[in-house]
Amino acid sequence: MNNFQYYTPTKVVFGKETEYQVGKLVREQGATKVLLHYGGSSAERSGLLTRVRTALQAEQIPFVELGGVQPNPRLSLVYKGIELAKEEGVDFILAVGGGSVIDSSKAIAYGLAAPDRDVWELYDHKRKATSCYPVGVVLTLSAAGSEMSNSSVITKDEGGIKRGYSSDYARPRFAVMDPILTMTLPDYQTACGCTDIIMHTLERYFTSKGNLELTDGIAEALLRTVMKNALILREDPQNEEARAEVMWAGALSHNGLTGCGNGGDDFATHRLEHELSGMFDVAHGAGLAALWGSWARYVMSDCLPRFKKFALNVMNVPAKGSDEEIALTGIAAMENFFTQIGMPVSVSGLGLDLTDEQIEELADKCEAAVGGSIGAAKKLTRPDFVKIYQMANF
């Protein structure tokens, strides 16, 4: 048995047209002025921003706006948001978008809570947060799970350095989740989101220090559900039921539920991918799919019972052959699924051909980011990072 804490204070408002409730939800938090933070023009074109503005105005809540969040959200825009919010007397951040917008909002909220300190110090792990301004979410993309998680990831413009920071202070106060809002997403973005959801669960599933059977069952059901519905959405992007299943899975995959009692998360694939997308600005979900098979084969022998269980319970592999054969078949089946939904299973699938120098730089950055080592399935250090990047570079 492994001790654990489970803390999920986010209020979830799930279903069609729930974005109309956002004004009342913000009012419940006692906000007096809101920073409305979002990405590109899609939220404007769809009418979502108009509905959000109307909901805030109905509650007589003043707001200022800051758009322009990119995938792999940039520190420069976070700084801009902090300054704007300070000038305007903002006391609540409302994220309208997916994981990138939510992560940028959390970083702004951290910066406002310590206005005399550089917020990058948190992401560079030079200090720890002691508070955070409140954040609310209107979710438009099922992927990162940031709408219920304690984590955020920001990319420093200079050097393409991508770093994450986790603290319960930044857990959103509420998450408005209308699956219909995700129907306008391009197929590739939907597939990337499904991949990220799957990976958040796998990072907690592949451990070598014991797991609770109930937690395993939840994780395995979540994985099967996302895979089933990702294939449905490939053929029928307007399927409401599939959109709802994937959106709820995204929240549960990263709020800590699938890691309760697991003896420690892995997240090596995520950290390896952060450096890849930080340097080359690739889509996060695609980068994860490109690296996962190589990571899995590299660590499999150190976590063989888990890989066998995954193959049998999630990938429905026949219980034939040795444990190693069953595990390898399960890994191949996962890669086949990624291929079916249009995700790459190698670095070349991202349009990259890494040089030896680039691999060394990626490994250096990863080593610095993790403080030397990372991994629960297998403890990995810099030489391991190099080998995994090399294995995936085909």
Protein backbone atom coordinates (compact mmCIF):
# COMPACT_ATOMS: atom_id res chain seq x y z
CA MET A 1 0.00 0.00 0.00
CA ASN A 2 1.24 3.48 -0.90
CA ASN A 3 0.07 6.56 0.97
CA PHE A 4 -1.48 9.33 -1.13
CA GLN A 5 -3.37 12.61 -1.01
CA TYR A 6 -6.19 13.41 -3.43
CA TYR A 7 -7.26 17.04 -3.75
CA THR A 8 -9.65 18.22 -6.48
CA PRO A 9 -11.32 21.49 -5.51
CA THR A 10 -12.43 22.47 -9.03
CA LYS A 11 -16.18 22.87 -9.52
CA VAL A 12 -17.17 21.21 -12.80
CA VAL A 13 -20.17 22.47 -14.79
CA PHE A 14 -20.56 19.96 -17.62
CA GLY A 15 -22.95 19.93 -20.58
CA LYS A 16 -24.47 21.84 -23.46
CA GLU A 17 -24.55 25.64 -23.29
CA THR A 18 -22.98 25.70 -19.84
CA GLU A 19 -20.83 28.66 -20.95
CA TYR A 20 -23.90 30.84 -20.34
CA GLN A 21 -23.37 30.23 -16.61
CA VAL A 22 -19.88 31.66 -16.51
CA GLY A 23 -20.94 35.10 -15.25
CA LYS A 24 -22.66 33.62 -12.22
CA LEU A 25 -19.71 31.32 -11.57
CA VAL A 26 -17.31 34.26 -11.60
CA ARG A 27 -19.67 36.21 -9.35
CA GLU A 28 -19.62 33.29 -6.87
CA GLN A 29 -15.87 33.78 -6.59
CA GLY A 30 -16.27 37.39 -5.53
CA ALA A 31 -14.39 38.77 -8.52
CA THR A 32 -14.52 42.51 -9.15
CA LYS A 33 -12.62 42.63 -12.47
CA VAL A 34 -11.67 39.83 -14.83
CA LEU A 35 -8.87 39.23 -17.31
CA LEU A 36 -10.47 37.35 -20.20
CA HIS A 37 -7.62 35.31 -21.69
CA TYR A 38 -7.85 33.34 -24.92
CA GLY A 39 -6.00 32.20 -28.01
CA GLY A 40 -6.69 32.93 -31.65
CA SER A 41 -9.69 33.94 -33.71
CA SER A 42 -11.61 30.64 -33.51
CA ALA A 43 -13.25 31.50 -30.19
CA GLU A 44 -14.35 34.82 -31.70
CA ARG A 45 -15.62 33.32 -34.96
CA SER A 46 -17.60 30.64 -33.16
CA GLY A 47 -19.42 33.21 -31.06
CA LEU A 48 -18.09 31.75 -27.81
CA LEU A 49 -16.33 34.92 -26.72
CA THR A 50 -19.48 36.92 -27.40
CA ARG A 51 -21.47 34.55 -25.19
CA VAL A 52 -18.85 34.76 -22.43
CA ARG A 53 -18.76 38.56 -22.58
CA THR A 54 -22.56 38.68 -22.45
CA ALA A 55 -22.60 36.37 -19.41
CA LEU A 56 -20.09 38.58 -17.58
CA GLN A 57 -21.99 41.76 -18.49
CA ALA A 58 -25.22 40.21 -17.25
CA GLU A 59 -23.62 39.98 -13.81
CA GLN A 60 -22.14 43.50 -14.18
CA ILE A 61 -18.60 42.16 -13.95
CA PRO A 62 -16.08 44.40 -15.76
CA PHE A 63 -13.33 42.74 -17.77
CA VAL A 64 -10.30 43.36 -19.96
CA GLU A 65 -9.10 41.03 -22.66
CA LEU A 66 -5.84 39.47 -23.79
CA GLY A 67 -5.75 37.09 -26.74
CA GLY A 68 -2.90 35.63 -28.72
CA VAL A 69 -2.02 32.48 -26.77
CA GLN A 70 -0.15 30.01 -28.98
CA PRO A 71 0.35 26.27 -28.62
CA ASN A 72 3.32 25.82 -26.29
CA PRO A 73 2.33 29.13 -24.59
CA ARG A 74 5.02 31.79 -24.44
CA LEU A 75 6.50 33.51 -21.41
CA SER A 76 6.48 36.86 -23.24
CA LEU A 77 2.67 36.86 -23.38
CA VAL A 78 2.52 35.84 -19.72
CA TYR A 79 4.57 38.91 -18.84
CA LYS A 80 2.23 41.05 -20.94
CA GLY A 81 -0.78 39.57 -19.15
CA ILE A 82 0.71 40.23 -15.72
CA GLU A 83 1.37 43.88 -16.54
CA LEU A 84 -2.09 44.38 -18.08
CA ALA A 85 -3.81 42.77 -15.11
CA LYS A 86 -1.84 44.90 -12.63
CA GLU A 87 -2.64 48.10 -14.52
CA GLU A 88 -6.34 47.24 -14.71
CA GLY A 89 -6.79 46.01 -11.14
CA VAL A 90 -7.76 42.49 -12.20
CA ASP A 91 -8.47 39.98 -9.44
CA PHE A 92 -9.67 36.95 -11.46
CA ILE A 93 -8.33 35.23 -14.59
CA LEU A 94 -10.83 33.58 -16.93
CA ALA A 95 -9.28 31.19 -19.46
CA VAL A 96 -11.36 30.54 -22.58
CA GLY A 97 -9.59 27.84 -24.55
CA GLY A 98 -7.58 24.66 -24.21
CA GLY A 99 -4.53 23.68 -22.21
CA SER A 100 -2.26 26.38 -23.61
CA VAL A 101 -4.67 29.16 -22.63
CA ILE A 102 -5.24 27.65 -19.20
CA ASP A 103 -1.51 27.23 -18.58
CA SER A 104 -0.85 30.81 -19.65
CA SER A 105 -3.65 31.97 -17.33
CA LYS A 106 -2.16 30.06 -14.40
CA ALA A 107 1.24 31.63 -15.03
CA ILE A 108 -0.30 35.11 -15.11
CA ALA A 109 -2.13 34.30 -11.87
CA TYR A 110 1.14 33.24 -10.23
CA GLY A 111 2.79 36.43 -11.42
CA LEU A 112 0.04 38.62 -9.98
CA ALA A 113 0.33 36.90 -6.61
CA ALA A 114 4.03 37.81 -6.37
CA PRO A 115 4.29 41.04 -8.40
CA ASP A 116 7.84 41.82 -7.28
CA ARG A 117 9.25 38.48 -8.44
CA ASP A 118 9.86 37.02 -11.88
CA VAL A 119 7.24 34.32 -12.50
CA TRP A 120 9.79 32.32 -14.53
CA GLU A 121 11.58 31.58 -11.26
CA LEU A 122 8.75 29.14 -10.51
CA TYR A 123 9.06 27.31 -13.81
CA ASP A 124 12.85 27.34 -13.49
CA HIS A 125 12.38 25.88 -9.99
CA LYS A 126 14.28 28.69 -8.29
CA ARG A 127 11.44 29.21 -5.76
CA LYS A 128 8.04 27.84 -4.79
CA ALA A 129 4.66 29.51 -5.05
CA THR A 130 2.98 30.61 -1.83
CA SER A 131 -0.24 31.87 -3.46
CA CYS A 132 -1.98 32.38 -6.80
CA TYR A 133 -4.78 34.56 -8.10
CA PRO A 134 -7.98 32.62 -8.83
CA VAL A 135 -8.48 31.09 -12.27
CA GLY A 136 -11.64 29.88 -13.97
CA VAL A 137 -11.95 27.95 -17.23
CA VAL A 138 -14.26 27.68 -20.21
CA LEU A 139 -12.81 24.64 -21.95
CA THR A 140 -12.68 24.36 -25.74
CA LEU A 141 -10.22 21.49 -26.23
CA SER A 142 -10.10 18.06 -24.60
CA ALA A 143 -6.41 17.34 -24.10
CA ALA A 144 -4.21 18.79 -21.39
CA GLY A 145 -6.49 18.28 -18.40
CA SER A 146 -5.26 21.62 -17.07
CA GLU A 147 -8.86 22.53 -16.28
CA MET A 148 -8.69 20.36 -13.14
CA SER A 149 -4.96 19.88 -12.61
CA ASN A 150 -2.36 21.59 -10.46
CA SER A 151 0.12 21.92 -13.33
CA SER A 152 1.00 24.34 -16.10
CA VAL A 153 3.72 24.42 -18.76
CA ILE A 154 5.27 27.56 -20.23
CA THR A 155 7.90 28.05 -22.96
CA LYS A 156 10.55 30.71 -22.56
CA ASP A 157 10.94 32.49 -25.89
CA GLU A 158 14.72 32.76 -25.67
CA GLY A 159 16.16 29.31 -26.29
CA GLY A 160 12.83 27.53 -26.61
CA ILE A 161 13.03 26.30 -23.01
CA LYS A 162 9.80 24.57 -21.98
CA ARG A 163 9.21 24.05 -18.28
CA GLY A 164 6.35 22.94 -16.07
CA TYR A 165 5.35 23.92 -12.58
CA SER A 166 2.80 22.25 -10.31
CA SER A 167 1.08 23.65 -7.24
CA ASP A 168 -2.39 23.22 -5.79
CA TYR A 169 -2.64 27.00 -5.55
CA ALA A 170 -3.29 27.09 -9.32
CA ARG A 171 -6.07 24.55 -9.49
CA PRO A 172 -8.96 26.31 -11.27
CA ARG A 173 -11.91 27.37 -9.14
CA PHE A 174 -14.33 26.11 -11.78
CA ALA A 175 -14.30 24.45 -15.18
CA VAL A 176 -17.14 24.98 -17.65
CA MET A 177 -17.11 21.98 -19.98
CA ASP A 178 -19.42 21.97 -23.00
CA PRO A 179 -18.40 19.12 -25.35
CA ILE A 180 -20.15 20.86 -28.26
CA LEU A 181 -17.45 23.56 -28.16
CA THR A 182 -14.87 21.01 -29.33
CA MET A 183 -16.71 20.13 -32.55
CA THR A 184 -15.01 22.84 -34.61
CA LEU A 185 -11.53 21.46 -33.94
CA PRO A 186 -9.46 20.13 -36.85
CA ASP A 187 -9.17 16.33 -36.87
CA TYR A 188 -5.43 16.52 -36.18
CA GLN A 189 -5.98 18.66 -33.07
CA THR A 190 -8.63 16.25 -31.80
CA ALA A 191 -6.22 13.34 -32.28
CA CYS A 192 -3.42 15.22 -30.51
CA GLY A 193 -5.78 15.89 -27.61
CA CYS A 194 -6.81 12.25 -27.31
CA THR A 195 -3.14 11.27 -27.32
CA ASP A 196 -2.32 13.70 -24.52
CA ILE A 197 -5.20 12.32 -22.43
CA ILE A 198 -3.94 8.78 -22.96
CA MET A 199 -0.40 9.76 -22.05
CA HIS A 200 -1.42 11.51 -18.84
CA THR A 201 -2.93 8.20 -17.75
CA LEU A 202 -0.04 6.04 -18.94
CA GLU A 203 2.47 8.24 -17.09
CA ARG A 204 0.73 7.26 -13.86
CA TYR A 205 0.07 3.65 -14.84
CA PHE A 206 3.63 2.49 -15.60
CA THR A 207 5.25 2.40 -12.18
CA SER A 208 7.32 -0.19 -10.34
CA LYS A 209 6.41 0.54 -6.72
CA GLY A 210 2.93 -0.89 -6.46
CA ASN A 211 -0.55 0.21 -7.51
CA LEU A 212 -4.07 0.00 -6.15
CA GLU A 213 -6.28 -2.41 -8.09
CA LEU A 214 -9.17 0.07 -8.07
CA THR A 215 -6.99 2.84 -9.45
CA ASP A 216 -5.74 0.47 -12.15
CA GLY A 217 -9.31 -0.36 -13.10
CA ILE A 218 -10.19 3.33 -13.41
CA ALA A 219 -7.09 4.02 -15.50
CA GLU A 220 -7.67 1.06 -17.79
CA ALA A 221 -11.32 1.98 -18.34
CA LEU A 222 -10.33 5.56 -19.10
CA LEU A 223 -7.74 4.41 -21.66
CA ARG A 224 -10.19 2.07 -23.39
CA THR A 225 -12.85 4.78 -23.44
CA VAL A 226 -10.58 7.39 -25.02
CA MET A 227 -9.26 4.96 -27.63
CA LYS A 228 -12.76 3.82 -28.57
CA ASN A 229 -14.08 7.35 -28.90
CA ALA A 230 -11.02 8.69 -30.69
CA LEU A 231 -11.72 6.16 -33.44
CA ILE A 232 -15.38 7.19 -33.48
CA LEU A 233 -14.39 10.86 -33.85
CA ARG A 234 -12.03 9.98 -36.68
CA GLU A 235 -15.06 8.82 -38.68
CA ASP A 236 -17.71 11.11 -37.16
CA PRO A 237 -16.23 14.35 -35.76
CA GLN A 238 -19.70 15.66 -34.87
CA ASN A 239 -20.56 12.74 -32.57
CA GLU A 240 -21.79 14.41 -29.37
CA GLU A 241 -21.52 11.34 -27.16
CA ALA A 242 -17.92 10.70 -28.19
CA ARG A 243 -17.03 14.36 -27.60
CA ALA A 244 -18.52 14.16 -24.11
CA GLU A 245 -16.68 10.95 -23.23
CA VAL A 246 -13.34 12.36 -24.35
CA MET A 247 -13.85 15.70 -22.58
CA TRP A 248 -14.64 14.07 -19.23
CA ALA A 249 -11.75 11.63 -19.66
CA GLY A 250 -9.39 14.55 -20.26
CA ALA A 251 -10.28 16.11 -16.93
CA LEU A 252 -10.03 12.85 -14.97
CA SER A 253 -6.76 11.83 -16.63
CA HIS A 254 -4.83 14.72 -15.11
CA ASN A 255 -6.55 15.66 -11.85
CA GLY A 256 -4.65 12.97 -9.91
CA LEU A 257 -7.35 10.30 -9.85
CA THR A 258 -5.51 7.75 -12.01
CA GLY A 259 -2.40 8.04 -9.86
CA CYS A 260 -3.89 7.48 -6.40
CA GLY A 261 -1.75 4.91 -4.58
CA ASN A 262 0.67 4.25 -7.42
CA GLY A 263 3.89 4.90 -5.54
CA GLY A 264 4.95 7.76 -7.81
CA ASP A 265 4.27 8.98 -11.35
CA ASP A 266 6.66 8.46 -14.26
CA PHE A 267 6.29 11.41 -16.69
CA ALA A 268 9.60 10.71 -18.43
CA THR A 269 7.94 10.74 -21.86
CA HIS A 270 6.38 14.11 -21.09
CA ARG A 271 9.69 15.59 -20.02
CA LEU A 272 11.47 14.24 -23.09
CA GLU A 273 8.71 15.68 -25.28
CA HIS A 274 8.79 19.08 -23.58
CA GLU A 275 12.31 19.60 -24.86
CA LEU A 276 11.32 18.44 -28.35
CA SER A 277 8.35 20.79 -28.64
CA GLY A 278 10.27 23.56 -26.91
CA MET A 279 13.02 23.43 -29.56
CA PHE A 280 10.91 22.65 -32.62
CA ASP A 281 7.41 23.86 -31.66
CA VAL A 282 5.74 20.57 -32.59
CA ALA A 283 2.25 19.72 -31.35
CA HIS A 284 2.53 18.27 -27.86
CA GLY A 285 0.29 15.25 -28.43
CA ALA A 286 2.08 14.35 -31.64
CA GLY A 287 5.44 14.64 -29.93
CA LEU A 288 4.31 12.30 -27.17
CA ALA A 289 3.15 9.69 -29.69
CA ALA A 290 6.45 9.98 -31.57
CA LEU A 291 8.49 9.21 -28.44
CA TRP A 292 6.31 6.83 -26.45
CA GLY A 293 7.07 3.56 -28.26
CA SER A 294 10.83 4.11 -27.96
CA TRP A 295 10.52 4.98 -24.27
CA ALA A 296 8.31 1.93 -23.69
CA ARG A 297 10.72 -0.52 -25.31
CA TYR A 298 13.63 1.04 -23.46
CA VAL A 299 12.09 0.70 -19.97
CA MET A 300 9.92 -2.39 -20.52
CA SER A 301 12.16 -4.95 -18.86
CA ASP A 302 12.28 -2.88 -15.65
CA CYS A 303 8.48 -2.69 -15.47
CA LEU A 304 7.47 -5.90 -17.23
CA PRO A 305 4.44 -6.87 -15.10
CA ARG A 306 2.84 -3.50 -15.79
CA PHE A 307 3.47 -3.70 -19.53
CA LYS A 308 2.01 -7.19 -19.63
CA LYS A 309 -1.05 -6.04 -17.69
CA PHE A 310 -1.48 -3.09 -20.04
CA ALA A 311 -1.25 -5.37 -23.08
CA LEU A 312 -3.87 -7.77 -21.70
CA ASN A 313 -6.32 -5.36 -20.06
CA VAL A 314 -6.14 -2.33 -22.33
CA MET A 315 -4.90 -3.49 -25.73
CA ASN A 316 -6.71 -6.85 -25.58
CA VAL A 317 -3.59 -8.80 -26.56
CA PRO A 318 -3.99 -12.61 -26.39
CA ALA A 319 -2.22 -14.21 -23.41
CA LYS A 320 0.11 -16.22 -25.64
CA GLY A 321 3.89 -16.39 -25.47
CA SER A 322 6.31 -15.07 -22.89
CA ASP A 323 5.69 -11.99 -20.79
CA GLU A 324 8.15 -10.08 -22.99
CA GLU A 325 6.33 -11.10 -26.15
CA ILE A 326 2.97 -10.10 -24.72
CA ALA A 327 4.36 -6.74 -23.57
CA LEU A 328 5.98 -6.00 -26.93
CA THR A 329 2.77 -6.89 -28.72
CA GLY A 330 0.92 -4.44 -26.47
CA ILE A 331 3.39 -1.65 -27.28
CA ALA A 332 3.03 -2.34 -31.00
CA ALA A 333 -0.76 -2.32 -30.65
CA MET A 334 -0.60 1.11 -28.98
CA GLU A 335 1.54 2.43 -31.81
CA ASN A 336 -0.90 0.98 -34.32
CA PHE A 337 -3.68 2.90 -32.60
CA PHE A 338 -1.67 6.12 -32.83
CA THR A 339 -1.21 5.49 -36.54
CA GLN A 340 -4.94 4.89 -36.99
CA ILE A 341 -5.78 8.34 -35.62
CA GLY A 342 -3.05 10.06 -37.64
CA MET A 343 -0.37 10.38 -34.98
CA PRO A 344 3.34 9.76 -35.67
CA VAL A 345 5.27 6.96 -34.00
CA SER A 346 8.73 8.33 -34.73
CA VAL A 347 10.51 11.66 -34.92
CA SER A 348 10.46 11.56 -38.71
CA GLY A 349 6.67 11.59 -38.49
CA LEU A 350 7.01 15.07 -37.01
CA GLY A 351 8.97 16.17 -40.07
CA LEU A 352 12.26 16.15 -38.16
CA ASP A 353 15.59 14.39 -38.60
CA LEU A 354 17.59 15.08 -35.46
CA THR A 355 21.31 15.55 -35.73
CA ASP A 356 23.66 14.14 -33.11
CA GLU A 357 24.21 17.68 -31.85
CA GLN A 358 20.48 18.30 -31.51
CA ILE A 359 20.02 15.05 -29.59
CA GLU A 360 22.80 16.05 -27.21
CA GLU A 361 21.19 19.46 -26.73
CA LEU A 362 17.78 17.89 -26.07
CA ALA A 363 19.34 15.56 -23.50
CA ASP A 364 21.15 18.46 -21.82
CA LYS A 365 17.95 20.45 -21.54
CA CYS A 366 16.01 17.47 -20.23
CA GLU A 367 18.67 16.75 -17.62
CA ALA A 368 18.54 20.36 -16.44
CA ALA A 369 14.73 20.35 -16.36
CA VAL A 370 14.40 17.19 -14.25
CA GLY A 371 17.33 17.85 -11.95
CA GLY A 372 19.35 14.89 -13.20
CA SER A 373 16.91 11.99 -13.31
CA ILE A 374 13.27 11.08 -13.74
CA GLY A 375 11.08 8.01 -14.03
CA ALA A 376 8.99 5.56 -12.03
CA ALA A 377 8.96 2.66 -14.48
CA LYS A 378 12.74 2.98 -14.70
CA LYS A 379 14.97 5.72 -13.31
CA LEU A 380 16.42 7.56 -16.30
CA THR A 381 19.42 9.88 -16.52
CA ARG A 382 21.11 11.78 -19.33
CA PRO A 383 22.61 8.75 -21.15
CA ASP A 384 19.14 7.20 -21.17
CA PHE A 385 17.63 10.39 -22.60
CA VAL A 386 20.14 10.26 -25.46
CA LYS A 387 19.34 6.64 -26.24
CA ILE A 388 15.57 7.19 -26.27
CA TYR A 389 15.89 10.18 -28.59
CA GLN A 390 18.14 8.10 -30.82
CA MET A 391 15.71 5.18 -30.85
CA ALA A 392 12.84 7.49 -31.84
CA ASN A 393 14.87 9.26 -34.53
CA PHE A 394 13.80 7.19 -37.51
